[in-house]
Amino acid sequence: MAEKVKFSVSIDAELGTALREYAAAEDEQISAVISRALERYLDDRRLIRAGLRAMKDYEAEYGPFSDQETAEADAWAARLFEERTGEERRSA
């Protein structure tokens, strides 16, 4: 079992209520819900940082992205986030 550390944080009252209700509905401890959410958040941020570094490296080697490439990438990312948001709504 992984070592546990204790943190004290403050969150908005509405978020706290939603968290308690969700944990109760899922029959989970609040700390488990928070741990999963924080792990996903940090993984997402690592991926974003890695992607930004890769883009910077690419542009350093091949030059800036064209307006068309940027528009295509924006559209791809928008579709990706729409799919993920829809997935989260269905599972909640």
N, C-alpha and C. Protein backbone atom coordinates (compact mmCIF):
# COMPACT_ATOMS: atom_id res chain seq x y z
N MET A 1 0.85 -1.18 0.00
CA MET A 1 0.00 0.00 0.00
C MET A 1 0.89 1.25 0.00
N ALA A 2 0.51 2.21 -0.81
CA ALA A 2 1.28 3.45 -0.92
C ALA A 2 1.20 4.26 0.37
N GLU A 3 2.28 4.95 0.64
CA GLU A 3 2.31 5.82 1.81
C GLU A 3 1.32 6.96 1.61
N LYS A 4 0.64 7.34 2.66
CA LYS A 4 -0.35 8.41 2.59
C LYS A 4 0.20 9.66 3.27
N VAL A 5 -0.18 10.81 2.75
CA VAL A 5 0.13 12.09 3.38
C VAL A 5 -1.17 12.84 3.55
N LYS A 6 -1.21 13.68 4.54
CA LYS A 6 -2.43 14.42 4.82
C LYS A 6 -2.24 15.88 4.41
N PHE A 7 -3.24 16.43 3.73
CA PHE A 7 -3.24 17.82 3.32
C PHE A 7 -4.48 18.49 3.88
N SER A 8 -4.37 19.77 4.08
CA SER A 8 -5.54 20.56 4.45
C SER A 8 -5.74 21.59 3.34
N VAL A 9 -6.91 21.56 2.71
CA VAL A 9 -7.20 22.49 1.63
C VAL A 9 -8.56 23.14 1.88
N SER A 10 -8.75 24.27 1.25
CA SER A 10 -10.04 24.94 1.31
C SER A 10 -10.63 24.97 -0.09
N ILE A 11 -11.92 24.65 -0.18
CA ILE A 11 -12.61 24.70 -1.47
C ILE A 11 -13.93 25.43 -1.27
N ASP A 12 -14.51 25.87 -2.38
CA ASP A 12 -15.81 26.55 -2.31
C ASP A 12 -16.84 25.63 -1.67
N ALA A 13 -17.76 26.22 -0.93
CA ALA A 13 -18.78 25.44 -0.24
C ALA A 13 -19.60 24.58 -1.21
N GLU A 14 -19.99 25.14 -2.36
CA GLU A 14 -20.78 24.38 -3.33
C GLU A 14 -20.01 23.17 -3.85
N LEU A 15 -18.71 23.35 -4.09
CA LEU A 15 -17.89 22.24 -4.56
C LEU A 15 -17.77 21.18 -3.46
N GLY A 16 -17.64 21.62 -2.23
CA GLY A 16 -17.57 20.68 -1.11
C GLY A 16 -18.84 19.86 -0.98
N THR A 17 -19.97 20.51 -1.15
CA THR A 17 -21.26 19.81 -1.08
C THR A 17 -21.37 18.80 -2.22
N ALA A 18 -21.00 19.22 -3.42
CA ALA A 18 -21.05 18.32 -4.57
C ALA A 18 -20.12 17.12 -4.36
N LEU A 19 -18.95 17.38 -3.80
CA LEU A 19 -17.99 16.30 -3.54
C LEU A 19 -18.56 15.31 -2.54
N ARG A 20 -19.11 15.79 -1.46
CA ARG A 20 -19.71 14.90 -0.45
C ARG A 20 -20.84 14.07 -1.04
N GLU A 21 -21.70 14.73 -1.83
CA GLU A 21 -22.83 14.03 -2.43
C GLU A 21 -22.35 12.96 -3.41
N TYR A 22 -21.36 13.30 -4.23
CA TYR A 22 -20.83 12.34 -5.19
C TYR A 22 -20.21 11.14 -4.47
N ALA A 23 -19.37 11.41 -3.48
CA ALA A 23 -18.71 10.33 -2.75
C ALA A 23 -19.74 9.42 -2.08
N ALA A 24 -20.76 10.01 -1.50
CA ALA A 24 -21.80 9.21 -0.85
C ALA A 24 -22.56 8.36 -1.87
N ALA A 25 -22.90 8.96 -3.00
CA ALA A 25 -23.64 8.24 -4.04
C ALA A 25 -22.83 7.08 -4.61
N GLU A 26 -21.52 7.24 -4.67
CA GLU A 26 -20.64 6.20 -5.20
C GLU A 26 -20.13 5.27 -4.10
N ASP A 27 -20.53 5.53 -2.88
CA ASP A 27 -20.08 4.76 -1.71
C ASP A 27 -18.55 4.72 -1.64
N GLU A 28 -17.97 5.90 -1.78
CA GLU A 28 -16.51 6.05 -1.73
C GLU A 28 -16.14 7.08 -0.69
N GLN A 29 -14.90 7.01 -0.24
CA GLN A 29 -14.40 8.04 0.65
C GLN A 29 -14.01 9.26 -0.18
N ILE A 30 -14.19 10.42 0.42
CA ILE A 30 -13.86 11.67 -0.27
C ILE A 30 -12.40 11.67 -0.71
N SER A 31 -11.51 11.18 0.11
CA SER A 31 -10.09 11.19 -0.24
C SER A 31 -9.82 10.36 -1.50
N ALA A 32 -10.56 9.28 -1.71
CA ALA A 32 -10.37 8.46 -2.91
C ALA A 32 -10.83 9.22 -4.15
N VAL A 33 -11.95 9.92 -4.04
CA VAL A 33 -12.45 10.71 -5.17
C VAL A 33 -11.46 11.81 -5.52
N ILE A 34 -10.98 12.51 -4.50
CA ILE A 34 -10.03 13.60 -4.73
C ILE A 34 -8.73 13.06 -5.31
N SER A 35 -8.24 11.96 -4.80
CA SER A 35 -6.99 11.38 -5.30
C SER A 35 -7.09 11.05 -6.78
N ARG A 36 -8.20 10.42 -7.18
CA ARG A 36 -8.39 10.08 -8.59
C ARG A 36 -8.46 11.33 -9.46
N ALA A 37 -9.21 12.31 -9.00
CA ALA A 37 -9.37 13.55 -9.78
C ALA A 37 -8.04 14.28 -9.90
N LEU A 38 -7.28 14.34 -8.83
CA LEU A 38 -6.00 15.03 -8.85
C LEU A 38 -5.00 14.29 -9.73
N GLU A 39 -5.02 12.97 -9.68
CA GLU A 39 -4.13 12.18 -10.53
C GLU A 39 -4.43 12.44 -12.00
N ARG A 40 -5.70 12.45 -12.36
CA ARG A 40 -6.07 12.72 -13.75
C ARG A 40 -5.68 14.14 -14.16
N TYR A 41 -5.91 15.09 -13.28
CA TYR A 41 -5.55 16.49 -13.56
C TYR A 41 -4.05 16.62 -13.81
N LEU A 42 -3.25 16.02 -12.94
CA LEU A 42 -1.80 16.12 -13.09
C LEU A 42 -1.31 15.39 -14.34
N ASP A 43 -1.91 14.24 -14.65
CA ASP A 43 -1.55 13.53 -15.88
C ASP A 43 -1.87 14.38 -17.10
N ASP A 44 -3.03 15.02 -17.09
CA ASP A 44 -3.40 15.90 -18.20
C ASP A 44 -2.39 17.03 -18.36
N ARG A 45 -1.98 17.63 -17.25
CA ARG A 45 -1.04 18.75 -17.32
C ARG A 45 0.33 18.30 -17.81
N ARG A 46 0.76 17.09 -17.43
CA ARG A 46 2.03 16.55 -17.93
C ARG A 46 1.97 16.37 -19.45
N LEU A 47 0.85 15.84 -19.93
CA LEU A 47 0.68 15.66 -21.37
C LEU A 47 0.68 16.99 -22.11
N ILE A 48 0.02 17.96 -21.56
CA ILE A 48 -0.02 19.28 -22.18
C ILE A 48 1.39 19.87 -22.25
N ARG A 49 2.12 19.80 -21.14
CA ARG A 49 3.50 20.33 -21.15
C ARG A 49 4.37 19.61 -22.16
N ALA A 50 4.24 18.28 -22.24
CA ALA A 50 5.04 17.51 -23.20
C ALA A 50 4.67 17.89 -24.62
N GLY A 51 3.38 18.08 -24.88
CA GLY A 51 2.94 18.49 -26.21
C GLY A 51 3.45 19.86 -26.59
N LEU A 52 3.41 20.79 -25.65
CA LEU A 52 3.92 22.14 -25.93
C LEU A 52 5.42 22.12 -26.20
N ARG A 53 6.15 21.29 -25.44
CA ARG A 53 7.60 21.16 -25.69
C ARG A 53 7.85 20.58 -27.08
N ALA A 54 7.08 19.57 -27.45
CA ALA A 54 7.24 18.95 -28.77
C ALA A 54 6.94 19.96 -29.88
N MET A 55 5.92 20.77 -29.69
CA MET A 55 5.59 21.79 -30.69
C MET A 55 6.72 22.81 -30.81
N LYS A 56 7.25 23.21 -29.68
CA LYS A 56 8.35 24.18 -29.68
C LYS A 56 9.58 23.60 -30.39
N ASP A 57 9.88 22.34 -30.10
CA ASP A 57 11.02 21.68 -30.75
C ASP A 57 10.79 21.56 -32.27
N TYR A 58 9.57 21.20 -32.65
CA TYR A 58 9.24 21.07 -34.07
C TYR A 58 9.43 22.42 -34.77
N GLU A 59 8.89 23.48 -34.18
CA GLU A 59 9.01 24.80 -34.80
C GLU A 59 10.46 25.27 -34.85
N ALA A 60 11.24 24.91 -33.86
CA ALA A 60 12.66 25.29 -33.88
C ALA A 60 13.38 24.62 -35.05
N GLU A 61 12.96 23.40 -35.37
CA GLU A 61 13.63 22.67 -36.45
C GLU A 61 13.05 22.99 -37.83
N TYR A 62 11.72 23.14 -37.92
CA TYR A 62 11.08 23.27 -39.23
C TYR A 62 10.42 24.62 -39.49
N GLY A 63 10.42 25.49 -38.51
CA GLY A 63 9.78 26.79 -38.67
C GLY A 63 8.38 26.79 -38.08
N PRO A 64 7.79 27.97 -38.01
CA PRO A 64 6.47 28.09 -37.38
C PRO A 64 5.39 27.32 -38.14
N PHE A 65 4.37 26.91 -37.40
CA PHE A 65 3.22 26.26 -38.01
C PHE A 65 2.48 27.27 -38.88
N SER A 66 1.92 26.78 -39.99
CA SER A 66 1.13 27.65 -40.87
C SER A 66 -0.23 27.91 -40.22
N ASP A 67 -0.94 28.91 -40.73
CA ASP A 67 -2.29 29.19 -40.23
C ASP A 67 -3.20 27.98 -40.44
N GLN A 68 -3.05 27.30 -41.57
CA GLN A 68 -3.87 26.12 -41.84
C GLN A 68 -3.55 25.00 -40.85
N GLU A 69 -2.28 24.76 -40.58
CA GLU A 69 -1.90 23.72 -39.61
C GLU A 69 -2.45 24.05 -38.23
N THR A 70 -2.37 25.31 -37.85
CA THR A 70 -2.88 25.74 -36.55
C THR A 70 -4.39 25.53 -36.48
N ALA A 71 -5.11 25.91 -37.54
CA ALA A 71 -6.56 25.74 -37.56
C ALA A 71 -6.94 24.26 -37.48
N GLU A 72 -6.22 23.42 -38.21
CA GLU A 72 -6.50 21.98 -38.17
C GLU A 72 -6.23 21.41 -36.78
N ALA A 73 -5.16 21.84 -36.15
CA ALA A 73 -4.84 21.37 -34.79
C ALA A 73 -5.89 21.85 -33.79
N ASP A 74 -6.34 23.09 -33.93
CA ASP A 74 -7.38 23.62 -33.05
C ASP A 74 -8.67 22.82 -33.18
N ALA A 75 -9.05 22.50 -34.41
CA ALA A 75 -10.26 21.73 -34.66
C ALA A 75 -10.13 20.32 -34.08
N TRP A 76 -8.97 19.71 -34.26
CA TRP A 76 -8.73 18.36 -33.72
C TRP A 76 -8.84 18.38 -32.19
N ALA A 77 -8.22 19.37 -31.55
CA ALA A 77 -8.26 19.46 -30.09
C ALA A 77 -9.68 19.71 -29.61
N ALA A 78 -10.43 20.55 -30.30
CA ALA A 78 -11.81 20.82 -29.91
C ALA A 78 -12.64 19.54 -29.95
N ARG A 79 -12.47 18.74 -31.02
CA ARG A 79 -13.20 17.47 -31.12
C ARG A 79 -12.80 16.54 -29.98
N LEU A 80 -11.53 16.50 -29.67
CA LEU A 80 -11.03 15.64 -28.61
C LEU A 80 -11.66 16.01 -27.27
N PHE A 81 -11.70 17.29 -26.95
CA PHE A 81 -12.28 17.73 -25.69
C PHE A 81 -13.79 17.54 -25.67
N GLU A 82 -14.46 17.69 -26.80
CA GLU A 82 -15.90 17.44 -26.85
C GLU A 82 -16.19 15.98 -26.55
N GLU A 83 -15.41 15.08 -27.14
CA GLU A 83 -15.59 13.65 -26.90
C GLU A 83 -15.37 13.32 -25.43
N ARG A 84 -14.33 13.89 -24.85
CA ARG A 84 -14.02 13.59 -23.46
C ARG A 84 -15.07 14.17 -22.53
N THR A 85 -15.55 15.36 -22.81
CA THR A 85 -16.58 15.98 -21.98
C THR A 85 -17.86 15.17 -22.05
N GLY A 86 -18.22 14.72 -23.24
CA GLY A 86 -19.41 13.88 -23.39
C GLY A 86 -19.27 12.57 -22.66
N GLU A 87 -18.08 12.00 -22.69
CA GLU A 87 -17.81 10.74 -21.99
C GLU A 87 -17.98 10.92 -20.49
N GLU A 88 -17.47 12.02 -19.94
CA GLU A 88 -17.56 12.26 -18.51
C GLU A 88 -19.00 12.47 -18.09
N ARG A 89 -19.78 13.16 -18.93
CA ARG A 89 -21.19 13.42 -18.60
C ARG A 89 -21.97 12.11 -18.57
N ARG A 90 -21.69 11.21 -19.50
CA ARG A 90 -22.42 9.95 -19.55
C ARG A 90 -22.10 9.08 -18.34
N SER A 91 -20.88 9.16 -17.84
CA SER A 91 -20.48 8.27 -16.75
C SER A 91 -20.80 8.84 -15.38
N ALA A 92 -21.14 10.11 -15.30
CA ALA A 92 -21.40 10.73 -14.00
C ALA A 92 -22.82 10.46 -13.54
